[in-house]
Protein backbone atom coordinates (compact mmCIF):
# COMPACT_ATOMS: atom_id res chain seq x y z
CA MET A 1 0.00 0.00 0.00
CA LYS A 2 1.18 3.52 -0.79
CA ILE A 3 1.63 6.25 1.80
CA LEU A 4 2.06 9.90 0.81
CA VAL A 5 3.97 12.01 3.34
CA ILE A 6 3.56 15.79 2.93
CA GLU A 7 6.10 17.28 5.32
CA ASP A 8 8.73 19.99 4.90
CA GLU A 9 11.15 18.81 7.61
CA ALA A 10 13.54 16.40 5.87
CA ASN A 11 14.64 14.65 9.07
CA ILE A 12 11.03 13.86 10.00
CA VAL A 13 10.35 12.54 6.49
CA GLN A 14 13.44 10.35 6.73
CA VAL A 15 12.33 8.80 10.01
CA ILE A 16 8.75 8.27 8.81
CA ARG A 17 9.99 6.70 5.57
CA LEU A 18 12.34 4.36 7.46
CA TYR A 19 9.67 3.04 9.81
CA LEU A 20 6.91 2.77 7.18
CA GLU A 21 9.14 0.98 4.68
CA GLN A 22 10.21 -1.44 7.41
CA ALA A 23 6.49 -2.10 7.95
CA GLY A 24 6.11 -2.94 4.25
CA TYR A 25 4.64 0.27 2.83
CA THR A 26 5.70 2.21 -0.26
CA VAL A 27 6.38 5.83 0.66
CA HIS A 28 6.14 8.94 -1.53
CA SER A 29 6.96 12.37 -0.12
CA ALA A 30 6.50 16.03 -0.92
CA SER A 31 7.95 19.03 0.92
CA ASP A 32 5.17 21.55 0.25
CA GLY A 33 1.41 21.61 -0.15
CA ILE A 34 1.24 22.15 -3.91
CA ALA A 35 3.71 19.35 -4.67
CA GLY A 36 1.76 17.15 -2.25
CA LEU A 37 -1.50 17.71 -4.12
CA GLU A 38 0.19 16.94 -7.43
CA LEU A 39 1.62 13.69 -6.02
CA HIS A 40 -1.77 12.75 -4.60
CA ALA A 41 -3.43 13.21 -7.99
CA ARG A 42 -0.72 11.17 -9.71
CA GLU A 43 -0.10 8.34 -7.24
CA HIS A 44 -3.55 7.88 -5.64
CA PRO A 45 -2.10 6.89 -2.25
CA ASP A 46 -3.93 4.72 0.26
CA LEU A 47 -3.21 7.18 3.08
CA VAL A 48 -1.79 10.69 3.48
CA ILE A 49 0.39 11.83 6.38
CA LEU A 50 -0.02 15.60 6.31
CA ASP A 51 1.88 18.27 8.22
CA LEU A 52 -0.21 21.25 9.30
CA MET A 53 2.49 23.88 8.75
CA LEU A 54 3.65 23.73 5.13
CA PRO A 55 5.15 26.18 2.64
CA ALA A 56 3.21 27.22 -0.48
CA LEU A 57 -0.08 25.78 0.81
CA ASP A 58 -0.79 24.93 4.44
CA GLY A 59 -2.04 21.59 5.67
CA MET A 60 -5.60 22.78 6.28
CA GLU A 61 -5.98 23.88 2.67
CA VAL A 62 -4.34 20.71 1.36
CA CYS A 63 -6.76 18.66 3.47
CA ARG A 64 -9.73 20.66 2.19
CA ARG A 65 -8.70 20.20 -1.46
CA ILE A 66 -8.10 16.47 -1.06
CA ARG A 67 -11.50 16.11 0.55
CA ALA A 68 -13.06 17.90 -2.42
CA TRP A 69 -12.25 14.96 -4.70
CA ALA A 70 -11.20 11.96 -2.61
CA ASN A 71 -11.84 10.12 0.65
CA THR A 72 -8.21 9.16 1.13
CA PRO A 73 -7.56 8.70 4.88
CA ILE A 74 -5.55 11.61 6.30
CA LEU A 75 -3.35 11.50 9.39
CA MET A 76 -2.48 15.07 10.29
CA LEU A 77 0.76 16.08 12.03
CA THR A 78 0.88 19.26 14.07
CA ALA A 79 3.38 20.99 16.33
CA ARG A 80 0.55 23.02 17.81
CA GLN A 81 -0.62 21.90 21.23
CA GLY A 82 -3.88 23.85 21.20
CA GLU A 83 -7.10 21.84 21.09
CA ASP A 84 -8.67 24.29 18.64
CA ASP A 85 -6.07 23.50 15.98
CA ARG A 86 -6.59 19.77 16.31
CA ILE A 87 -10.37 20.15 16.21
CA ALA A 88 -10.10 22.37 13.13
CA GLY A 89 -8.10 19.66 11.38
CA LEU A 90 -10.65 17.00 12.23
CA GLU A 91 -13.52 19.20 11.10
CA MET A 92 -11.71 19.84 7.82
CA GLY A 93 -11.72 16.11 7.17
CA ALA A 94 -8.62 14.61 8.80
CA ASP A 95 -9.20 11.11 10.17
CA ASP A 96 -6.64 11.31 12.96
CA TYR A 97 -3.84 13.51 14.25
CA LEU A 98 -0.49 13.27 16.00
CA VAL A 99 1.18 16.06 17.93
CA LYS A 100 4.92 16.58 17.36
CA PRO A 101 7.19 15.24 18.71
CA PHE A 102 5.68 11.78 18.26
CA SER A 103 6.82 8.18 18.52
CA PRO A 104 7.49 6.66 15.06
CA ARG A 105 6.18 3.34 16.36
CA GLU A 106 2.93 5.00 17.39
CA LEU A 107 2.67 6.59 13.95
CA VAL A 108 3.04 3.18 12.28
CA SER A 109 0.42 1.76 14.66
CA ARG A 110 -2.03 4.48 13.74
CA VAL A 111 -1.34 4.06 10.02
CA LYS A 112 -2.03 0.32 10.29
CA ALA A 113 -5.23 0.93 12.24
CA ILE A 114 -6.56 3.52 9.79
CA LEU A 115 -5.77 1.35 6.77
CA ARG A 116 -7.24 -1.73 8.41
CA ARG A 117 -10.50 0.14 8.90
CA SER A 118 -10.46 1.63 5.41
CA VAL A 119 -10.34 -1.70 3.56
CA PRO A 120 -13.97 -2.63 2.73
CA ALA A 121 -13.49 -6.39 3.10
CA LEU A 122 -12.10 -5.94 6.60
CA VAL A 123 -14.70 -3.40 7.67
CA ALA A 124 -17.48 -5.92 7.17
CA GLY A 125 -15.42 -8.44 9.14
CA GLY A 126 -18.08 -11.14 8.91
CA GLN A 127 -19.77 -9.64 11.96
CA GLU A 128 -23.53 -9.88 11.99
CA PRO A 129 -25.11 -6.53 12.81
CA GLN A 130 -28.11 -6.46 15.10
CA GLN A 131 -31.52 -5.87 13.54
CA SER A 132 -33.41 -3.53 15.80
CA GLY A 133 -35.65 -1.31 13.71
CA GLY A 134 -33.51 -1.90 10.63
CA GLU A 135 -32.95 -4.91 8.42
CA LYS A 136 -29.86 -6.59 7.05
CA GLU A 137 -30.30 -7.49 3.42
CA LYS A 138 -28.36 -9.50 0.90
CA ALA A 139 -28.26 -7.69 -2.42
CA ASN A 140 -25.82 -9.12 -4.95
CA ASP A 141 -23.93 -10.68 -2.05
CA GLU A 142 -23.50 -7.27 -0.45
CA GLU A 143 -24.32 -6.63 3.18
CA VAL A 144 -26.68 -3.71 3.51
CA LEU A 145 -28.24 -1.93 6.49
CA ARG A 146 -31.48 -0.12 5.71
CA PHE A 147 -33.28 2.26 8.07
CA GLY A 148 -36.17 3.93 6.28
CA ASP A 149 -34.62 6.29 3.73
CA LEU A 150 -31.08 5.62 5.03
CA LEU A 151 -29.07 2.92 3.25
CA ILE A 152 -25.62 1.74 4.40
CA ASN A 153 -23.77 -0.61 2.06
CA ILE A 154 -20.97 -1.91 4.27
CA PRO A 155 -18.66 -3.76 1.82
CA ALA A 156 -18.92 -1.00 -0.79
CA ARG A 157 -18.63 1.69 1.91
CA ARG A 158 -21.53 3.62 0.40
CA VAL A 159 -24.22 5.60 2.18
CA ALA A 160 -27.36 7.08 0.64
CA VAL A 161 -30.30 9.08 1.97
CA ASP A 162 -33.46 9.14 -0.14
CA GLY A 163 -31.44 7.54 -2.91
CA GLN A 164 -28.87 10.35 -2.89
CA PRO A 165 -25.25 9.30 -2.18
CA ILE A 166 -23.60 10.83 0.89
CA THR A 167 -19.82 11.24 0.84
CA LEU A 168 -18.24 10.30 4.17
CA THR A 169 -14.64 10.17 5.31
CA VAL A 170 -13.20 6.86 6.50
CA LYS A 171 -13.76 7.66 10.15
CA GLU A 172 -17.26 9.09 9.58
CA PHE A 173 -18.26 5.88 7.79
CA ASP A 174 -16.70 3.65 10.46
CA LEU A 175 -18.44 5.64 13.19
CA LEU A 176 -21.81 5.33 11.44
CA VAL A 177 -21.41 1.57 10.89
CA THR A 178 -20.38 1.02 14.51
CA LEU A 179 -23.43 2.87 15.81
CA ALA A 180 -25.92 1.56 13.23
CA SER A 181 -24.83 -2.07 13.67
CA ALA A 182 -26.15 -1.93 17.24
CA PRO A 183 -29.27 0.29 17.14
CA ASP A 184 -30.35 1.85 20.45
CA ARG A 185 -27.14 0.73 22.18
CA VAL A 186 -25.45 3.60 24.00
CA PHE A 187 -21.72 3.88 23.21
CA THR A 188 -19.42 5.84 25.49
CA ARG A 189 -16.81 8.03 23.84
CA GLU A 190 -14.07 5.73 25.14
CA VAL A 191 -15.68 2.66 23.51
CA LEU A 192 -16.12 4.52 20.22
CA LEU A 193 -12.50 5.67 20.30
CA ASN A 194 -11.37 2.09 20.78
CA GLN A 195 -13.68 0.47 18.22
CA VAL A 196 -13.61 3.10 15.48
CA TRP A 197 -9.98 4.20 15.75
CA GLY A 198 -8.93 0.59 16.15
CA TYR A 199 -6.42 0.78 18.99
CA THR A 200 -5.94 2.27 22.44
CA TYR A 201 -6.41 5.86 21.35
CA LEU A 202 -4.35 8.51 23.10
CA GLY A 203 -6.65 11.37 22.18
CA ASP A 204 -9.72 12.58 24.00
CA GLY A 205 -13.47 12.33 23.66
CA ARG A 206 -13.60 15.62 21.78
CA THR A 207 -12.36 13.73 18.72
CA VAL A 208 -15.56 11.65 18.77
CA ASP A 209 -17.68 14.78 19.25
CA VAL A 210 -16.13 16.45 16.21
CA HIS A 211 -16.70 13.42 13.98
CA VAL A 212 -20.27 13.04 15.21
CA GLY A 213 -20.84 16.69 14.36
CA THR A 214 -19.52 16.36 10.81
CA LEU A 215 -21.43 13.09 10.32
CA ARG A 216 -24.68 14.74 11.38
CA LYS A 217 -24.17 17.63 8.97
CA LYS A 218 -23.95 15.17 6.09
CA LEU A 219 -26.54 12.65 7.25
CA GLU A 220 -29.30 14.50 9.05
CA ALA A 221 -31.87 16.91 7.64
CA ASP A 222 -31.22 19.12 10.68
CA ALA A 223 -27.87 18.57 12.38
CA ASN A 224 -29.10 20.47 15.44
CA ALA A 225 -32.06 18.11 15.84
CA PRO A 226 -30.68 14.76 14.66
CA HIS A 227 -33.00 11.81 14.13
CA HIS A 228 -30.55 8.94 13.86
CA VAL A 229 -27.29 9.85 15.65
CA GLN A 230 -28.41 11.06 19.04
CA THR A 231 -26.55 12.27 22.12
CA VAL A 232 -27.05 10.54 25.45
CA TRP A 233 -26.02 13.34 27.76
CA GLY A 234 -23.25 12.49 30.17
CA VAL A 235 -22.63 9.11 28.52
CA GLY A 236 -22.06 9.17 24.76
CA TYR A 237 -24.04 8.46 21.59
CA LYS A 238 -26.53 6.01 20.15
CA PHE A 239 -28.11 5.26 16.78
CA VAL A 240 -31.92 5.45 16.67
CA PRO A 241 -33.22 3.34 13.77
CA THR A 242 -36.39 5.35 13.19
CA PRO A 243 -37.05 9.07 13.73
CA SER A 244 -38.75 9.99 16.97
CA THR A 245 -42.45 10.85 16.70
CA ARG A 246 -42.44 12.86 19.92
CA SER A 247 -43.02 16.58 19.66
């Protein structure tokens, strides 16, 4: 699998390349945002490791442009310690982030986890989703979850509402499948971090909140009054298979 590293510090690129190549990945690198976008368009990498502070075009803008045409998983690197910067990156479409300085072994672990979750055949995992209020169908040997006008095709990683396709990032899709596979079950933020991010996540629950927020904006008719992805105050989130009829 191909990894694109967009980072202007040569020593960091060298370390990342060394560890990723030892793990069996092919690594391409670019030292500025414009060159990174050109490499992305040419090489179609399986994952992008993206520095926030870049010459020519900063990481936020690079992330935004990639998201305009592709759902390539993005692991963002930042030297900024502030929570607002990390949240801004997640809201822009990054799937995960690491704060510099970071452990190269942790970076490889996160890359493996993100890629493991982004491969359709592994996402399905042979696990039978529960059928509370929704139904699991077999359509052309594809596993599908259907909840009224919401359709989730797990192997194809496609989501549609009223027949209209909804474009989700890797983590948004994984979050939706995790919740929708167990309707009405309440998931704590810690459980979602572990199941969706695929390892003992070192971040905080705000990461889940940000992804839930972006998921709602794409999925719900009114993100401020969501029907399906609902908050359980003081605990976490749950997926409601049918809209509430209460006023």
